Amino acid sequence: MANHSPKAVSPVWHSDVPGMLGCALALPAVCILTGLLLPVLGAIRQADAWNLFVAALALAVTGVLLLGYARWPLYRQKRFFSFGSRLLDAPHRRCYRVAYVLIIAAILLLLTVLAKLRRESQPDSTTTGLFPSAKECLAFNPM
């Protein structure tokens, strides 16, 4: 048997350089992701409830179908009640995780639809609480 020595690792990777690189790249990555997400959030705010509902429904159906595909090997082994993705191979585990991301996105969109419909159903935006606004108090004339 040959004596195998461990792989030589550059001394740079045993220093603080990887941590500093991570810190230096984290802020630009957050800025880029924020720049990509803000226009999407603005479009969601301007969209009507029906379009958001259709998008949420499409995401949910896609997520459920992908979840069924990801769990298909477990169903073939007659393992219907197993939790998590630890029993799946790598490609099906990736599909499993993407499916849950799609389902969570659909739930968030449906909550957005609910909030939008509740806001639109309020009769008047000037009275938001139990007490009248200052404008209503000044306009009140008992005589």
Protein backbone atom coordinates (compact mmCIF):
# COMPACT_ATOMS: atom_id res chain seq x y z
CA MET A 1 0.00 0.00 0.00
CA ALA A 2 1.19 3.41 -0.86
CA ASN A 3 1.33 6.00 1.83
CA HIS A 4 -1.02 8.83 0.80
CA SER A 5 -0.28 12.26 2.18
CA PRO A 6 -3.12 14.72 2.63
CA LYS A 7 -3.58 17.34 -0.04
CA ALA A 8 -1.53 20.42 0.50
CA VAL A 9 -3.76 23.44 1.07
CA SER A 10 -2.53 26.91 0.40
CA PRO A 11 -1.79 28.83 3.62
CA VAL A 12 -4.01 31.65 2.34
CA TRP A 13 -7.13 29.53 3.01
CA HIS A 14 -6.12 29.06 6.63
CA SER A 15 -6.01 32.80 7.21
CA ASP A 16 -8.71 35.46 7.45
CA VAL A 17 -8.79 36.01 3.67
CA PRO A 18 -11.92 33.87 2.98
CA GLY A 19 -13.84 35.63 5.75
CA MET A 20 -12.79 39.05 4.50
CA LEU A 21 -13.75 38.11 0.93
CA GLY A 22 -17.14 36.97 2.16
CA CYS A 23 -17.72 40.25 3.98
CA ALA A 24 -16.52 42.27 0.99
CA LEU A 25 -18.83 40.41 -1.43
CA ALA A 26 -21.89 40.25 0.84
CA LEU A 27 -22.81 43.94 0.59
CA PRO A 28 -22.72 44.12 -3.24
CA ALA A 29 -24.70 40.87 -3.42
CA VAL A 30 -27.39 42.26 -1.09
CA CYS A 31 -27.50 45.50 -3.11
CA ILE A 32 -27.91 43.62 -6.39
CA LEU A 33 -30.65 41.38 -4.99
CA THR A 34 -32.46 44.39 -3.53
CA GLY A 35 -32.22 46.17 -6.87
CA LEU A 36 -33.77 43.15 -8.57
CA LEU A 37 -36.56 42.70 -6.02
CA LEU A 38 -37.75 46.29 -5.59
CA PRO A 39 -39.19 46.64 -9.12
CA VAL A 40 -40.96 43.30 -8.67
CA LEU A 41 -42.50 44.50 -5.40
CA GLY A 42 -43.58 47.73 -7.09
CA ALA A 43 -45.22 45.78 -9.90
CA ILE A 44 -47.04 43.60 -7.35
CA ARG A 45 -48.33 46.73 -5.62
CA GLN A 46 -49.68 48.12 -8.91
CA ALA A 47 -51.17 44.83 -10.12
CA ASP A 48 -54.80 44.03 -9.56
CA ALA A 49 -55.91 41.18 -7.32
CA TRP A 50 -56.97 38.86 -10.13
CA ASN A 51 -53.51 38.86 -11.77
CA LEU A 52 -51.85 38.20 -8.43
CA PHE A 53 -54.28 35.35 -7.74
CA VAL A 54 -53.54 33.74 -11.12
CA ALA A 55 -49.79 34.07 -10.53
CA ALA A 56 -50.13 32.53 -7.05
CA LEU A 57 -52.24 29.70 -8.45
CA ALA A 58 -49.67 28.99 -11.17
CA LEU A 59 -46.84 28.97 -8.63
CA ALA A 60 -48.77 26.68 -6.29
CA VAL A 61 -49.70 24.17 -9.01
CA THR A 62 -46.13 24.13 -10.31
CA GLY A 63 -44.81 23.64 -6.77
CA VAL A 64 -47.19 20.78 -6.00
CA LEU A 65 -46.40 19.02 -9.30
CA LEU A 66 -42.68 19.44 -8.69
CA LEU A 67 -43.11 18.11 -5.15
CA GLY A 68 -44.89 15.04 -6.50
CA TYR A 69 -42.11 14.49 -9.03
CA ALA A 70 -39.45 14.88 -6.34
CA ARG A 71 -41.15 12.39 -4.01
CA TRP A 72 -41.97 9.87 -6.76
CA PRO A 73 -39.04 7.55 -5.88
CA LEU A 74 -40.31 7.38 -2.29
CA TYR A 75 -43.83 6.62 -3.48
CA ARG A 76 -42.50 3.77 -5.63
CA GLN A 77 -40.83 2.33 -2.51
CA LYS A 78 -44.22 2.60 -0.72
CA ARG A 79 -42.90 5.24 1.70
CA PHE A 80 -45.83 7.60 1.78
CA PHE A 81 -45.31 9.18 5.19
CA SER A 82 -41.67 10.20 5.34
CA PHE A 83 -40.73 13.75 6.23
CA GLY A 84 -37.85 15.78 4.84
CA SER A 85 -35.60 15.17 1.88
CA ARG A 86 -32.92 13.02 3.49
CA LEU A 87 -34.16 9.83 1.75
CA LEU A 88 -34.00 11.41 -1.72
CA ASP A 89 -31.07 11.43 -4.10
CA ALA A 90 -29.43 14.74 -5.06
CA PRO A 91 -31.52 15.68 -8.15
CA HIS A 92 -34.82 14.86 -6.45
CA ARG A 93 -33.70 16.67 -3.29
CA ARG A 94 -33.08 19.81 -5.37
CA CYS A 95 -36.56 19.52 -6.92
CA TYR A 96 -38.03 19.02 -3.45
CA ARG A 97 -36.48 22.26 -2.20
CA VAL A 98 -37.46 24.24 -5.30
CA ALA A 99 -41.02 22.95 -4.91
CA TYR A 100 -41.23 24.26 -1.36
CA VAL A 101 -39.81 27.63 -2.44
CA LEU A 102 -42.54 27.87 -5.10
CA ILE A 103 -45.25 26.89 -2.63
CA ILE A 104 -44.05 29.46 -0.07
CA ALA A 105 -43.95 32.13 -2.81
CA ALA A 106 -47.55 31.22 -3.73
CA ILE A 107 -48.64 31.55 -0.10
CA LEU A 108 -46.98 34.97 0.14
CA LEU A 109 -48.71 36.10 -3.06
CA LEU A 110 -52.07 34.90 -1.74
CA LEU A 111 -51.50 36.87 1.46
CA THR A 112 -50.74 39.90 -0.72
CA VAL A 113 -54.03 39.35 -2.58
CA LEU A 114 -55.86 39.13 0.74
CA ALA A 115 -54.28 42.36 1.99
CA LYS A 116 -55.06 44.12 -1.29
CA LEU A 117 -58.70 43.01 -1.22
CA ARG A 118 -59.12 44.03 2.43
CA ARG A 119 -57.64 47.46 1.70
CA GLU A 120 -59.91 47.95 -1.32
CA SER A 121 -63.02 46.90 0.62
CA GLN A 122 -62.60 49.59 3.29
CA PRO A 123 -65.19 52.30 2.61
CA ASP A 124 -63.17 55.34 3.64
CA SER A 125 -59.48 55.65 4.30
CA THR A 126 -59.85 58.78 6.47
CA THR A 127 -61.38 56.93 9.42
CA THR A 128 -58.87 54.33 10.41
CA GLY A 129 -59.71 53.79 14.06
CA LEU A 130 -62.28 54.28 16.76
CA PHE A 131 -61.83 58.03 16.96
CA PRO A 132 -62.75 60.51 14.20
CA SER A 133 -60.06 62.40 12.37
CA ALA A 134 -59.36 66.07 12.95
CA LYS A 135 -60.97 66.89 9.60
CA GLU A 136 -64.22 65.19 10.64
CA CYS A 137 -64.20 66.96 14.03
CA LEU A 138 -63.82 70.38 12.37
CA ALA A 139 -66.55 69.59 9.82
CA PHE A 140 -69.01 68.56 12.56
CA ASN A 141 -71.61 71.24 13.20
CA PRO A 142 -74.37 70.28 15.66
CA MET A 143 -76.54 73.30 14.91
